[in-house]
C-alpha atoms as a PDB file:
ATOM      1  CA  MET A   1       6.228   2.871   4.916  1.00  0.00           C
ATOM      2  CA  ILE A   2       6.505   3.165   1.167  1.00  0.00           C
ATOM      3  CA  VAL A   3       9.809   1.944  -0.227  1.00  0.00           C
ATOM      4  CA  HIS A   4      11.164   1.133  -3.664  1.00  0.00           C
ATOM      5  CA  ALA A   5      11.896  -2.592  -3.230  1.00  0.00           C
ATOM      6  CA  ALA A   6      14.684  -2.666  -5.820  1.00  0.00           C
ATOM      7  CA  ARG A   7      16.522   0.047  -3.878  1.00  0.00           C
ATOM      8  CA  ALA A   8      15.762  -1.200  -0.361  1.00  0.00           C
ATOM      9  CA  LEU A   9      16.626  -4.883  -0.660  1.00  0.00           C
ATOM     10  CA  ALA A  10      19.897  -6.719  -1.011  1.00  0.00           C
ATOM     11  CA  PRO A  11      20.112  -9.135  -3.964  1.00  0.00           C
ATOM     12  CA  GLY A  12      18.107 -12.275  -3.171  1.00  0.00           C
ATOM     13  CA  ASP A  13      16.057 -10.640  -0.385  1.00  0.00           C
ATOM     14  CA  SER A  14      12.279 -10.459  -0.513  1.00  0.00           C
ATOM     15  CA  LEU A  15       9.599  -8.542   1.350  1.00  0.00           C
ATOM     16  CA  PRO A  16       7.536 -10.796   3.645  1.00  0.00           C
ATOM     17  CA  SER A  17       4.410  -8.625   3.390  1.00  0.00           C
ATOM     18  CA  HIS A  18       3.941  -5.873   0.849  1.00  0.00           C
ATOM     19  CA  GLU A  19       1.653  -4.216  -1.652  1.00  0.00           C
ATOM     20  CA  ASP A  20       2.693  -3.439  -5.233  1.00  0.00           C
ATOM     21  CA  MET A  21       1.916   0.265  -5.568  1.00  0.00           C
ATOM     22  CA  LEU A  22       3.039   0.790  -9.175  1.00  0.00           C
ATOM     23  CA  ARG A  23       0.408  -1.154 -11.105  1.00  0.00           C
ATOM     24  CA  PRO A  24      -0.724  -0.985 -14.734  1.00  0.00           C
ATOM     25  CA  ASP A  25      -4.392  -0.587 -13.671  1.00  0.00           C
ATOM     26  CA  ASP A  26      -3.781   2.713 -11.787  1.00  0.00           C
ATOM     27  CA  LEU A  27      -5.445   1.316  -8.643  1.00  0.00           C
ATOM     28  CA  TYR A  28      -2.968   3.308  -6.537  1.00  0.00           C
ATOM     29  CA  ARG A  29      -2.818   6.341  -8.820  1.00  0.00           C
ATOM     30  CA  TYR A  30      -2.873   8.654  -5.799  1.00  0.00           C
ATOM     31  CA  VAL A  31      -0.907   8.270  -2.569  1.00  0.00           C
ATOM     32  CA  LEU A  32      -1.846   9.970   0.661  1.00  0.00           C
ATOM     33  CA  ILE A  33       0.656   9.642   3.504  1.00  0.00           C
ATOM     34  CA  ILE A  34      -1.267   9.205   6.759  1.00  0.00           C
ATOM     35  CA  GLY A  35       1.551   8.305   9.158  1.00  0.00           C
ATOM     36  CA  TYR A  36      -0.083   5.228  10.677  1.00  0.00           C
ATOM     37  CA  ASN A  37       2.034   3.173  13.126  1.00  0.00           C
ATOM     38  CA  THR A  38       4.911   5.661  13.049  1.00  0.00           C
ATOM     39  CA  PRO A  39       7.492   6.835  14.057  1.00  0.00           C
ATOM     40  CA  LYS A  40       8.134   3.762  16.246  1.00  0.00           C
ATOM     41  CA  PRO A  41       6.331   0.913  14.440  1.00  0.00           C
ATOM     42  CA  VAL A  42       4.670  -1.767  16.571  1.00  0.00           C
ATOM     43  CA  PRO A  43       5.216  -5.218  15.001  1.00  0.00           C
ATOM     44  CA  GLY A  44       1.946  -6.734  13.789  1.00  0.00           C
ATOM     45  CA  ALA A  45       0.033  -3.420  13.951  1.00  0.00           C
ATOM     46  CA  GLY A  46       0.216  -2.803  10.203  1.00  0.00           C
ATOM     47  CA  SER A  47       2.055  -0.162   8.258  1.00  0.00           C
ATOM     48  CA  CYS A  48      -0.388   1.541   5.891  1.00  0.00           C
ATOM     49  CA  ILE A  49      -3.984   2.526   5.404  1.00  0.00           C
ATOM     50  CA  PHE A  50      -4.740   2.189   1.706  1.00  0.00           C
ATOM     51  CA  LEU A  51      -6.907   4.740  -0.085  1.00  0.00           C
ATOM     52  CA  HIS A  52      -7.332   3.797  -3.707  1.00  0.00           C
ATOM     53  CA  VAL A  53      -9.462   4.152  -6.812  1.00  0.00           C
ATOM     54  CA  TRP A  54     -12.820   2.344  -6.613  1.00  0.00           C
ATOM     55  CA  ARG A  55     -13.369   0.020  -9.542  1.00  0.00           C
ATOM     56  CA  GLY A  56     -17.173   0.131  -9.402  1.00  0.00           C
ATOM     57  CA  LYS A  57     -20.306  -1.183  -7.722  1.00  0.00           C
ATOM     58  CA  ASP A  58     -19.345  -4.835  -8.212  1.00  0.00           C
ATOM     59  CA  SER A  59     -15.914  -4.474  -6.603  1.00  0.00           C
ATOM     60  CA  SER A  60     -14.776  -4.675  -3.016  1.00  0.00           C
ATOM     61  CA  THR A  61     -11.603  -4.022  -1.044  1.00  0.00           C
ATOM     62  CA  ALA A  62      -9.621  -6.040   1.489  1.00  0.00           C
ATOM     63  CA  GLY A  63     -10.085  -3.509   4.284  1.00  0.00           C
ATOM     64  CA  CYS A  64      -9.001  -0.493   2.246  1.00  0.00           C
ATOM     65  CA  THR A  65     -10.864   2.737   1.578  1.00  0.00           C
ATOM     66  CA  ALA A  66     -11.767   3.274  -2.072  1.00  0.00           C
ATOM     67  CA  ILE A  67     -12.983   6.443  -3.810  1.00  0.00           C
ATOM     68  CA  ILE A  68     -14.452   7.301  -7.212  1.00  0.00           C
ATOM     69  CA  CYS A  69     -12.098   9.410  -9.336  1.00  0.00           C
END
């Protein structure tokens, strides 16, 4: 699920596991909603499949799918 943390959290709360989608390097320039582990999420089964911009032949991902743009 993609949420705006500042709007979703009460003051002082934090997200236990999250990915910063709005980054200065445009890594997540494009978002594709896949609908993984929805509509009834199973705890521990993950929440997103990340598809992002590939940085080049010397880069890797942490289990994501990366494409050349």
